[in-house]
């Protein structure tokens, strides 16, 4: 079944060019929810930024279903939620969680 994305890719701006690919759930790209949790791990290859983006309300069953996640360019997710922009240079091992209208370091 084809996904119906919340935003039209034709309206995207070059906000985060050159960061590479990332993984994000449909809660962000299909349902239009803001990024609620993001973390960075070592990328799987040269093109993988290591960034993983979640709305924050996905349970394990949802997040582990390959039909609910996709590979995107980081710029795509930046266009869905520009709050991620100041955090994209954070090193692998970094994690951020939404508090109100911004993302802050996850200290858990």
PDB file of N, CA and C in Angstrom:
ATOM      1  N   UNK A   1       0.837  -1.177   0.000  1.00  0.00           N
ATOM      2  CA  UNK A   1       0.000   0.000   0.000  1.00  0.00           C
ATOM      3  C   UNK A   1       0.886   1.246   0.000  1.00  0.00           C
ATOM      4  N   UNK A   2       0.580   2.169  -0.865  1.00  0.00           N
ATOM      5  CA  UNK A   2       1.366   3.398  -0.977  1.00  0.00           C
ATOM      6  C   UNK A   2       1.115   4.304   0.223  1.00  0.00           C
ATOM      7  N   UNK A   3       2.167   4.943   0.662  1.00  0.00           N
ATOM      8  CA  UNK A   3       2.058   5.879   1.780  1.00  0.00           C
ATOM      9  C   UNK A   3       1.642   7.247   1.259  1.00  0.00           C
ATOM     10  N   UNK A   4       0.820   7.919   2.035  1.00  0.00           N
ATOM     11  CA  UNK A   4       0.405   9.275   1.709  1.00  0.00           C
ATOM     12  C   UNK A   4       1.089  10.191   2.710  1.00  0.00           C
ATOM     13  N   UNK A   5       2.113  10.892   2.236  1.00  0.00           N
ATOM     14  CA  UNK A   5       2.940  11.702   3.112  1.00  0.00           C
ATOM     15  C   UNK A   5       2.244  12.993   3.507  1.00  0.00           C
ATOM     16  N   UNK A   6       2.536  13.431   4.709  1.00  0.00           N
ATOM     17  CA  UNK A   6       1.922  14.619   5.294  1.00  0.00           C
ATOM     18  C   UNK A   6       2.333  15.889   4.555  1.00  0.00           C
ATOM     19  N   UNK A   7       3.560  15.926   4.063  1.00  0.00           N
ATOM     20  CA  UNK A   7       4.081  17.105   3.362  1.00  0.00           C
ATOM     21  C   UNK A   7       4.400  16.736   1.911  1.00  0.00           C
ATOM     22  N   UNK A   8       4.258  17.706   1.028  1.00  0.00           N
ATOM     23  CA  UNK A   8       4.601  17.541  -0.381  1.00  0.00           C
ATOM     24  C   UNK A   8       6.085  17.825  -0.554  1.00  0.00           C
ATOM     25  N   UNK A   9       6.825  16.848  -1.049  1.00  0.00           N
ATOM     26  CA  UNK A   9       8.276  17.002  -1.223  1.00  0.00           C
ATOM     27  C   UNK A   9       8.616  18.172  -2.142  1.00  0.00           C
ATOM     28  N   UNK A  10       7.701  18.572  -2.995  1.00  0.00           N
ATOM     29  CA  UNK A  10       7.941  19.705  -3.874  1.00  0.00           C
ATOM     30  C   UNK A  10       8.078  21.028  -3.142  1.00  0.00           C
ATOM     31  N   UNK A  11       7.638  21.063  -1.889  1.00  0.00           N
ATOM     32  CA  UNK A  11       7.727  22.295  -1.101  1.00  0.00           C
ATOM     33  C   UNK A  11       8.962  22.337  -0.208  1.00  0.00           C
ATOM     34  N   UNK A  12       9.773  21.291  -0.232  1.00  0.00           N
ATOM     35  CA  UNK A  12      10.940  21.229   0.653  1.00  0.00           C
ATOM     36  C   UNK A  12      11.993  22.252   0.264  1.00  0.00           C
ATOM     37  N   UNK A  13      12.645  22.785   1.295  1.00  0.00           N
ATOM     38  CA  UNK A  13      13.739  23.736   1.113  1.00  0.00           C
ATOM     39  C   UNK A  13      15.052  23.042   1.477  1.00  0.00           C
ATOM     40  N   UNK A  14      16.172  23.539   0.979  1.00  0.00           N
ATOM     41  CA  UNK A  14      17.468  22.948   1.331  1.00  0.00           C
ATOM     42  C   UNK A  14      17.924  23.401   2.720  1.00  0.00           C
ATOM     43  N   UNK A  15      17.404  22.765   3.742  1.00  0.00           N
ATOM     44  CA  UNK A  15      17.694  23.148   5.125  1.00  0.00           C
ATOM     45  C   UNK A  15      18.884  22.392   5.714  1.00  0.00           C
ATOM     46  N   UNK A  16      19.022  21.132   5.325  1.00  0.00           N
ATOM     47  CA  UNK A  16      20.056  20.265   5.916  1.00  0.00           C
ATOM     48  C   UNK A  16      20.684  19.416   4.812  1.00  0.00           C
ATOM     49  N   UNK A  17      21.310  20.076   3.894  1.00  0.00           N
ATOM     50  CA  UNK A  17      21.888  19.409   2.726  1.00  0.00           C
ATOM     51  C   UNK A  17      23.242  18.805   3.087  1.00  0.00           C
ATOM     52  N   UNK A  18      23.480  17.599   2.599  1.00  0.00           N
ATOM     53  CA  UNK A  18      24.789  16.976   2.764  1.00  0.00           C
ATOM     54  C   UNK A  18      24.960  16.152   4.018  1.00  0.00           C
ATOM     55  N   UNK A  19      23.914  15.972   4.817  1.00  0.00           N
ATOM     56  CA  UNK A  19      24.032  15.170   6.033  1.00  0.00           C
ATOM     57  C   UNK A  19      23.911  13.676   5.757  1.00  0.00           C
ATOM     58  N   UNK A  20      23.305  13.321   4.644  1.00  0.00           N
ATOM     59  CA  UNK A  20      23.145  11.909   4.314  1.00  0.00           C
ATOM     60  C   UNK A  20      21.770  11.396   4.671  1.00  0.00           C
ATOM     61  N   UNK A  21      21.684  10.080   4.822  1.00  0.00           N
ATOM     62  CA  UNK A  21      20.398   9.445   5.068  1.00  0.00           C
ATOM     63  C   UNK A  21      20.145   9.263   6.555  1.00  0.00           C
ATOM     64  N   UNK A  22      18.883   8.957   6.870  1.00  0.00           N
ATOM     65  CA  UNK A  22      18.456   8.731   8.240  1.00  0.00           C
ATOM     66  C   UNK A  22      17.261   7.788   8.201  1.00  0.00           C
ATOM     67  N   UNK A  23      16.832   7.385   9.364  1.00  0.00           N
ATOM     68  CA  UNK A  23      15.630   6.566   9.489  1.00  0.00           C
ATOM     69  C   UNK A  23      14.613   7.370  10.289  1.00  0.00           C
ATOM     70  N   UNK A  24      13.361   7.347   9.820  1.00  0.00           N
ATOM     71  CA  UNK A  24      12.279   8.037  10.526  1.00  0.00           C
ATOM     72  C   UNK A  24      11.009   7.207  10.432  1.00  0.00           C
ATOM     73  N   UNK A  25      10.142   7.373  11.421  1.00  0.00           N
ATOM     74  CA  UNK A  25       8.895   6.615  11.420  1.00  0.00           C
ATOM     75  C   UNK A  25       7.790   7.383  10.693  1.00  0.00           C
ATOM     76  N   UNK A  26       6.755   6.637  10.345  1.00  0.00           N
ATOM     77  CA  UNK A  26       5.599   7.215   9.674  1.00  0.00           C
ATOM     78  C   UNK A  26       4.833   8.184  10.560  1.00  0.00           C
ATOM     79  N   UNK A  27       5.018   8.109  11.854  1.00  0.00           N
ATOM     80  CA  UNK A  27       4.329   9.060  12.731  1.00  0.00           C
ATOM     81  C   UNK A  27       4.747  10.487  12.373  1.00  0.00           C
ATOM     82  N   UNK A  28       5.976  10.638  11.890  1.00  0.00           N
ATOM     83  CA  UNK A  28       6.473  11.954  11.484  1.00  0.00           C
ATOM     84  C   UNK A  28       6.071  12.256  10.049  1.00  0.00           C
ATOM     85  N   UNK A  29       6.404  11.364   9.129  1.00  0.00           N
ATOM     86  CA  UNK A  29       6.258  11.673   7.700  1.00  0.00           C
ATOM     87  C   UNK A  29       4.866  11.432   7.136  1.00  0.00           C
ATOM     88  N   UNK A  30       4.104  10.555   7.735  1.00  0.00           N
ATOM     89  CA  UNK A  30       2.743  10.283   7.255  1.00  0.00           C
ATOM     90  C   UNK A  30       1.712  10.983   8.135  1.00  0.00           C
ATOM     91  N   UNK A  31       1.884  10.867   9.459  1.00  0.00           N
ATOM     92  CA  UNK A  31       0.914  11.459  10.386  1.00  0.00           C
ATOM     93  C   UNK A  31       1.173  12.930  10.685  1.00  0.00           C
ATOM     94  N   UNK A  32       2.383  13.411  10.391  1.00  0.00           N
ATOM     95  CA  UNK A  32       2.704  14.825  10.585  1.00  0.00           C
ATOM     96  C   UNK A  32       3.027  15.222  12.008  1.00  0.00           C
ATOM     97  N   UNK A  33       3.389  14.260  12.853  1.00  0.00           N
ATOM     98  CA  UNK A  33       3.756  14.594  14.227  1.00  0.00           C
ATOM     99  C   UNK A  33       5.178  15.145  14.262  1.00  0.00           C
ATOM    100  N   UNK A  34       5.485  16.022  15.211  1.00  0.00           N
ATOM    101  CA  UNK A  34       6.847  16.541  15.305  1.00  0.00           C
ATOM    102  C   UNK A  34       7.801  15.475  15.831  1.00  0.00           C
ATOM    103  N   UNK A  35       9.081  15.687  15.608  1.00  0.00           N
ATOM    104  CA  UNK A  35      10.095  14.799  16.170  1.00  0.00           C
ATOM    105  C   UNK A  35      10.033  14.934  17.689  1.00  0.00           C
ATOM    106  N   UNK A  36       9.833  13.820  18.368  1.00  0.00           N
ATOM    107  CA  UNK A  36       9.766  13.819  19.822  1.00  0.00           C
ATOM    108  C   UNK A  36      10.984  13.194  20.454  1.00  0.00           C
ATOM    109  N   UNK A  37      11.701  12.402  19.657  1.00  0.00           N
ATOM    110  CA  UNK A  37      12.915  11.750  20.147  1.00  0.00           C
ATOM    111  C   UNK A  37      13.822  11.503  18.948  1.00  0.00           C
ATOM    112  N   UNK A  38      15.082  11.837  19.101  1.00  0.00           N
ATOM    113  CA  UNK A  38      16.062  11.595  18.036  1.00  0.00           C
ATOM    114  C   UNK A  38      17.362  11.171  18.683  1.00  0.00           C
ATOM    115  N   UNK A  39      18.025  10.240  18.040  1.00  0.00           N
ATOM    116  CA  UNK A  39      19.331   9.832  18.529  1.00  0.00           C
ATOM    117  C   UNK A  39      20.235   9.540  17.350  1.00  0.00           C
ATOM    118  N   UNK A  40      21.530   9.564  17.622  1.00  0.00           N
ATOM    119  CA  UNK A  40      22.505   9.318  16.569  1.00  0.00           C
ATOM    120  C   UNK A  40      23.419   8.169  16.984  1.00  0.00           C
ATOM    121  N   UNK A  41      23.542   7.219  16.105  1.00  0.00           N
ATOM    122  CA  UNK A  41      24.465   6.120  16.283  1.00  0.00           C
ATOM    123  C   UNK A  41      25.469   6.153  15.137  1.00  0.00           C
ATOM    124  N   UNK A  42      26.428   5.283  15.178  1.00  0.00           N
ATOM    125  CA  UNK A  42      27.363   5.195  14.057  1.00  0.00           C
ATOM    126  C   UNK A  42      26.572   4.763  12.824  1.00  0.00           C
ATOM    127  N   UNK A  43      26.808   5.414  11.711  1.00  0.00           N
ATOM    128  CA  UNK A  43      26.097   5.072  10.489  1.00  0.00           C
ATOM    129  C   UNK A  43      26.446   3.674  10.002  1.00  0.00           C
ATOM    130  N   UNK A  44      25.513   3.072   9.286  1.00  0.00           N
ATOM    131  CA  UNK A  44      25.721   1.730   8.742  1.00  0.00           C
ATOM    132  C   UNK A  44      26.656   1.727   7.539  1.00  0.00           C
ATOM    133  N   UNK A  45      26.801   2.873   6.887  1.00  0.00           N
ATOM    134  CA  UNK A  45      27.675   3.004   5.723  1.00  0.00           C
ATOM    135  C   UNK A  45      27.997   4.487   5.541  1.00  0.00           C
ATOM    136  N   UNK A  46      28.740   4.809   4.497  1.00  0.00           N
ATOM    137  CA  UNK A  46      29.175   6.203   4.280  1.00  0.00           C
ATOM    138  C   UNK A  46      28.015   7.169   4.063  1.00  0.00           C
ATOM    139  N   UNK A  47      26.911   6.686   3.536  1.00  0.00           N
ATOM    140  CA  UNK A  47      25.772   7.561   3.257  1.00  0.00           C
ATOM    141  C   UNK A  47      24.845   7.741   4.449  1.00  0.00           C
ATOM    142  N   UNK A  48      24.968   6.885   5.453  1.00  0.00           N
ATOM    143  CA  UNK A  48      24.090   6.904   6.617  1.00  0.00           C
ATOM    144  C   UNK A  48      24.618   7.877   7.662  1.00  0.00           C
ATOM    145  N   UNK A  49      23.821   8.884   7.987  1.00  0.00           N
ATOM    146  CA  UNK A  49      24.212   9.872   8.994  1.00  0.00           C
ATOM    147  C   UNK A  49      24.221   9.284  10.403  1.00  0.00           C
ATOM    148  N   UNK A  50      23.488   8.198  10.596  1.00  0.00           N
ATOM    149  CA  UNK A  50      23.336   7.619  11.921  1.00  0.00           C
ATOM    150  C   UNK A  50      22.137   8.166  12.684  1.00  0.00           C
ATOM    151  N   UNK A  51      21.468   9.192  12.146  1.00  0.00           N
ATOM    152  CA  UNK A  51      20.322   9.778  12.826  1.00  0.00           C
ATOM    153  C   UNK A  51      19.092   8.892  12.694  1.00  0.00           C
ATOM    154  N   UNK A  52      18.348   8.779  13.808  1.00  0.00           N
ATOM    155  CA  UNK A  52      17.099   8.032  13.877  1.00  0.00           C
ATOM    156  C   UNK A  52      16.067   8.961  14.514  1.00  0.00           C
ATOM    157  N   UNK A  53      14.920   9.113  13.864  1.00  0.00           N
ATOM    158  CA  UNK A  53      13.909  10.075  14.300  1.00  0.00           C
ATOM    159  C   UNK A  53      12.580   9.378  14.597  1.00  0.00           C
ATOM    160  N   UNK A  54      12.014   9.727  15.749  1.00  0.00           N
ATOM    161  CA  UNK A  54      10.749   9.163  16.199  1.00  0.00           C
ATOM    162  C   UNK A  54       9.859  10.292  16.712  1.00  0.00           C
ATOM    163  N   UNK A  55       8.550  10.071  16.650  1.00  0.00           N
ATOM    164  CA  UNK A  55       7.629  11.029  17.258  1.00  0.00           C
ATOM    165  C   UNK A  55       7.707  10.916  18.775  1.00  0.00           C
ATOM    166  N   UNK A  56       8.071   9.747  19.257  1.00  0.00           N
ATOM    167  CA  UNK A  56       8.210   9.538  20.689  1.00  0.00           C
ATOM    168  C   UNK A  56       7.080   8.747  21.302  1.00  0.00           C
ATOM    169  N   UNK A  57       6.036   8.477  20.520  1.00  0.00           N
ATOM    170  CA  UNK A  57       4.914   7.699  21.037  1.00  0.00           C
ATOM    171  C   UNK A  57       4.789   6.332  20.353  1.00  0.00           C
ATOM    172  N   UNK A  58       5.844   5.915  19.656  1.00  0.00           N
ATOM    173  CA  UNK A  58       5.849   4.606  19.020  1.00  0.00           C
ATOM    174  C   UNK A  58       6.216   3.540  20.059  1.00  0.00           C
ATOM    175  N   UNK A  59       5.452   2.469  20.116  1.00  0.00           N
ATOM    176  CA  UNK A  59       5.858   1.369  20.987  1.00  0.00           C
ATOM    177  C   UNK A  59       6.799   0.459  20.187  1.00  0.00           C
ATOM    178  N   UNK A  60       7.368  -0.536  20.867  1.00  0.00           N
ATOM    179  CA  UNK A  60       8.336  -1.426  20.211  1.00  0.00           C
ATOM    180  C   UNK A  60       7.734  -2.137  19.002  1.00  0.00           C
ATOM    181  N   UNK A  61       6.502  -2.581  19.121  1.00  0.00           N
ATOM    182  CA  UNK A  61       5.852  -3.293  18.019  1.00  0.00           C
ATOM    183  C   UNK A  61       5.766  -2.396  16.779  1.00  0.00           C
ATOM    184  N   UNK A  62       5.358  -1.152  16.980  1.00  0.00           N
ATOM    185  CA  UNK A  62       5.250  -0.201  15.868  1.00  0.00           C
ATOM    186  C   UNK A  62       6.622   0.075  15.262  1.00  0.00           C
ATOM    187  N   UNK A  63       7.592   0.397  16.102  1.00  0.00           N
ATOM    188  CA  UNK A  63       8.922   0.779  15.620  1.00  0.00           C
ATOM    189  C   UNK A  63       9.659  -0.372  14.950  1.00  0.00           C
ATOM    190  N   UNK A  64       9.360  -1.601  15.338  1.00  0.00           N
ATOM    191  CA  UNK A  64      10.032  -2.764  14.754  1.00  0.00           C
ATOM    192  C   UNK A  64       9.344  -3.297  13.506  1.00  0.00           C
ATOM    193  N   UNK A  65       8.224  -2.706  13.125  1.00  0.00           N
ATOM    194  CA  UNK A  65       7.515  -3.101  11.901  1.00  0.00           C
ATOM    195  C   UNK A  65       8.128  -2.332  10.735  1.00  0.00           C
ATOM    196  N   UNK A  66       8.793  -3.031   9.795  1.00  0.00           N
ATOM    197  CA  UNK A  66       9.447  -2.339   8.675  1.00  0.00           C
ATOM    198  C   UNK A  66       8.493  -1.493   7.834  1.00  0.00           C
ATOM    199  N   UNK A  67       7.206  -1.766   7.912  1.00  0.00           N
ATOM    200  CA  UNK A  67       6.235  -0.968   7.168  1.00  0.00           C
ATOM    201  C   UNK A  67       6.002   0.408   7.762  1.00  0.00           C
ATOM    202  N   UNK A  68       6.504   0.646   8.974  1.00  0.00           N
ATOM    203  CA  UNK A  68       6.291   1.923   9.656  1.00  0.00           C
ATOM    204  C   UNK A  68       7.515   2.822   9.665  1.00  0.00           C
ATOM    205  N   UNK A  69       8.607   2.380   9.081  1.00  0.00           N
ATOM    206  CA  UNK A  69       9.838   3.178   9.041  1.00  0.00           C
ATOM    207  C   UNK A  69      10.365   3.220   7.617  1.00  0.00           C
ATOM    208  N   UNK A  70      11.083   4.272   7.319  1.00  0.00           N
ATOM    209  CA  UNK A  70      11.660   4.435   5.985  1.00  0.00           C
ATOM    210  C   UNK A  70      13.018   5.099   6.098  1.00  0.00           C
ATOM    211  N   UNK A  71      13.774   4.987   5.059  1.00  0.00           N
ATOM    212  CA  UNK A  71      15.051   5.669   4.904  1.00  0.00           C
ATOM    213  C   UNK A  71      14.785   6.975   4.171  1.00  0.00           C
ATOM    214  N   UNK A  72      15.268   8.078   4.725  1.00  0.00           N
ATOM    215  CA  UNK A  72      15.072   9.401   4.138  1.00  0.00           C
ATOM    216  C   UNK A  72      16.387  10.157   4.126  1.00  0.00           C
ATOM    217  N   UNK A  73      16.443  11.204   3.352  1.00  0.00           N
ATOM    218  CA  UNK A  73      17.525  12.171   3.455  1.00  0.00           C
ATOM    219  C   UNK A  73      17.222  13.016   4.700  1.00  0.00           C
ATOM    220  N   UNK A  74      18.249  13.363   5.460  1.00  0.00           N
ATOM    221  CA  UNK A  74      18.047  14.179   6.661  1.00  0.00           C
ATOM    222  C   UNK A  74      17.319  15.473   6.312  1.00  0.00           C
ATOM    223  N   UNK A  75      17.568  16.019   5.140  1.00  0.00           N
ATOM    224  CA  UNK A  75      16.885  17.250   4.729  1.00  0.00           C
ATOM    225  C   UNK A  75      15.362  17.074   4.730  1.00  0.00           C
ATOM    226  N   UNK A  76      14.895  15.896   4.383  1.00  0.00           N
ATOM    227  CA  UNK A  76      13.449  15.639   4.391  1.00  0.00           C
ATOM    228  C   UNK A  76      12.890  15.819   5.791  1.00  0.00           C
ATOM    229  N   UNK A  77      13.537  15.223   6.778  1.00  0.00           N
ATOM    230  CA  UNK A  77      13.040  15.321   8.151  1.00  0.00           C
ATOM    231  C   UNK A  77      13.195  16.743   8.679  1.00  0.00           C
ATOM    232  N   UNK A  78      14.231  17.440   8.270  1.00  0.00           N
ATOM    233  CA  UNK A  78      14.395  18.849   8.667  1.00  0.00           C
ATOM    234  C   UNK A  78      13.245  19.694   8.131  1.00  0.00           C
ATOM    235  N   UNK A  79      12.732  19.351   6.980  1.00  0.00           N
ATOM    236  CA  UNK A  79      11.587  20.080   6.443  1.00  0.00           C
ATOM    237  C   UNK A  79      10.298  19.741   7.183  1.00  0.00           C
ATOM    238  N   UNK A  80      10.207  18.546   7.722  1.00  0.00           N
ATOM    239  CA  UNK A  80       9.055  18.192   8.557  1.00  0.00           C
ATOM    240  C   UNK A  80       9.135  18.874   9.914  1.00  0.00           C
ATOM    241  N   UNK A  81      10.349  18.961  10.469  1.00  0.00           N
ATOM    242  CA  UNK A  81      10.516  19.558  11.793  1.00  0.00           C
ATOM    243  C   UNK A  81      11.862  20.279  11.885  1.00  0.00           C
ATOM    244  N   UNK A  82      11.890  21.584  11.602  1.00  0.00           N
ATOM    245  CA  UNK A  82      13.142  22.343  11.631  1.00  0.00           C
ATOM    246  C   UNK A  82      13.804  22.422  13.012  1.00  0.00           C
ATOM    247  N   UNK A  83      13.121  21.999  14.071  1.00  0.00           N
ATOM    248  CA  UNK A  83      13.733  22.009  15.409  1.00  0.00           C
ATOM    249  C   UNK A  83      14.978  21.131  15.472  1.00  0.00           C
ATOM    250  N   UNK A  84      15.121  20.204  14.539  1.00  0.00           N
ATOM    251  CA  UNK A  84      16.286  19.309  14.567  1.00  0.00           C
ATOM    252  C   UNK A  84      17.548  19.994  14.059  1.00  0.00           C
ATOM    253  N   UNK A  85      17.398  21.077  13.339  1.00  0.00           N
ATOM    254  CA  UNK A  85      18.544  21.697  12.651  1.00  0.00           C
ATOM    255  C   UNK A  85      19.740  22.012  13.544  1.00  0.00           C
ATOM    256  N   UNK A  86      19.573  22.650  14.689  1.00  0.00           N
ATOM    257  CA  UNK A  86      20.759  22.988  15.491  1.00  0.00           C
ATOM    258  C   UNK A  86      21.450  21.771  16.113  1.00  0.00           C
ATOM    259  N   UNK A  87      20.837  20.606  16.017  1.00  0.00           N
ATOM    260  CA  UNK A  87      21.365  19.411  16.681  1.00  0.00           C
ATOM    261  C   UNK A  87      22.075  18.444  15.743  1.00  0.00           C
ATOM    262  N   UNK A  88      22.007  18.673  14.472  1.00  0.00           N
ATOM    263  CA  UNK A  88      22.475  17.696  13.494  1.00  0.00           C
ATOM    264  C   UNK A  88      23.980  17.436  13.508  1.00  0.00           C
ATOM    265  N   UNK A  89      24.762  18.335  14.068  1.00  0.00           N
ATOM    266  CA  UNK A  89      26.208  18.107  14.149  1.00  0.00           C
ATOM    267  C   UNK A  89      26.616  17.352  15.419  1.00  0.00           C
ATOM    268  N   UNK A  90      25.643  16.979  16.240  1.00  0.00           N
ATOM    269  CA  UNK A  90      25.957  16.240  17.466  1.00  0.00           C
ATOM    270  C   UNK A  90      26.587  14.894  17.104  1.00  0.00           C
ATOM    271  N   UNK A  91      27.518  14.416  17.904  1.00  0.00           N
ATOM    272  CA  UNK A  91      28.233  13.183  17.583  1.00  0.00           C
ATOM    273  C   UNK A  91      27.386  11.934  17.836  1.00  0.00           C
ATOM    274  N   UNK A  92      27.807  10.802  17.254  1.00  0.00           N
ATOM    275  CA  UNK A  92      27.150   9.540  17.591  1.00  0.00           C
ATOM    276  C   UNK A  92      27.150   9.338  19.105  1.00  0.00           C
ATOM    277  N   UNK A  93      26.064   8.787  19.606  1.00  0.00           N
ATOM    278  CA  UNK A  93      25.879   8.631  21.042  1.00  0.00           C
ATOM    279  C   UNK A  93      24.979   9.704  21.621  1.00  0.00           C
ATOM    280  N   UNK A  94      24.685  10.730  20.831  1.00  0.00           N
ATOM    281  CA  UNK A  94      23.809  11.821  21.277  1.00  0.00           C
ATOM    282  C   UNK A  94      22.346  11.406  21.151  1.00  0.00           C
ATOM    283  N   UNK A  95      21.528  11.934  22.055  1.00  0.00           N
ATOM    284  CA  UNK A  95      20.086  11.699  22.011  1.00  0.00           C
ATOM    285  C   UNK A  95      19.383  12.944  22.525  1.00  0.00           C
ATOM    286  N   UNK A  96      18.233  13.239  21.937  1.00  0.00           N
ATOM    287  CA  UNK A  96      17.474  14.426  22.293  1.00  0.00           C
ATOM    288  C   UNK A  96      15.998  14.068  22.403  1.00  0.00           C
ATOM    289  N   UNK A  97      15.322  14.725  23.332  1.00  0.00           N
ATOM    290  CA  UNK A  97      13.903  14.478  23.568  1.00  0.00           C
ATOM    291  C   UNK A  97      13.167  15.817  23.579  1.00  0.00           C
ATOM    292  N   UNK A  98      11.920  15.785  23.126  1.00  0.00           N
ATOM    293  CA  UNK A  98      11.141  17.023  23.059  1.00  0.00           C
ATOM    294  C   UNK A  98      10.659  17.420  24.445  1.00  0.00           C
ATOM    295  N   UNK A  99      10.865  18.692  24.738  1.00  0.00           N
ATOM    296  CA  UNK A  99      10.286  19.335  25.911  1.00  0.00           C
ATOM    297  C   UNK A  99       9.642  20.617  25.411  1.00  0.00           C
ATOM    298  N   UNK A 100       8.330  20.612  25.358  1.00  0.00           N
ATOM    299  CA  UNK A 100       7.621  21.772  24.840  1.00  0.00           C
ATOM    300  C   UNK A 100       7.882  21.947  23.356  1.00  0.00           C
ATOM    301  N   UNK A 101       8.383  23.108  22.989  1.00  0.00           N
ATOM    302  CA  UNK A 101       8.590  23.401  21.573  1.00  0.00           C
ATOM    303  C   UNK A 101      10.043  23.208  21.129  1.00  0.00           C
ATOM    304  N   UNK A 102      10.855  22.521  21.944  1.00  0.00           N
ATOM    305  CA  UNK A 102      12.245  22.316  21.539  1.00  0.00           C
ATOM    306  C   UNK A 102      12.737  20.930  21.948  1.00  0.00           C
ATOM    307  N   UNK A 103      13.861  20.557  21.362  1.00  0.00           N
ATOM    308  CA  UNK A 103      14.506  19.290  21.678  1.00  0.00           C
ATOM    309  C   UNK A 103      15.693  19.561  22.575  1.00  0.00           C
ATOM    310  N   UNK A 104      15.807  18.802  23.659  1.00  0.00           N
ATOM    311  CA  UNK A 104      16.868  18.983  24.632  1.00  0.00           C
ATOM    312  C   UNK A 104      17.607  17.649  24.811  1.00  0.00           C
ATOM    313  N   UNK A 105      18.847  17.703  25.317  1.00  0.00           N
ATOM    314  CA  UNK A 105      19.574  16.445  25.526  1.00  0.00           C
ATOM    315  C   UNK A 105      18.791  15.492  26.428  1.00  0.00           C
ATOM    316  N   UNK A 106      18.752  14.228  26.031  1.00  0.00           N
ATOM    317  CA  UNK A 106      18.108  13.189  26.827  1.00  0.00           C
ATOM    318  C   UNK A 106      19.121  12.672  27.823  1.00  0.00           C
ATOM    319  N   UNK A 107      18.893  12.921  29.068  1.00  0.00           N
ATOM    320  CA  UNK A 107      19.839  12.553  30.135  1.00  0.00           C
ATOM    321  C   UNK A 107      19.520  11.204  30.763  1.00  0.00           C
ATOM    322  N   UNK A 108      18.556  10.449  30.214  1.00  0.00           N
ATOM    323  CA  UNK A 108      18.208   9.154  30.806  1.00  0.00           C
ATOM    324  C   UNK A 108      19.137   8.048  30.395  1.00  0.00           C
TER     325      UNK A 108
END
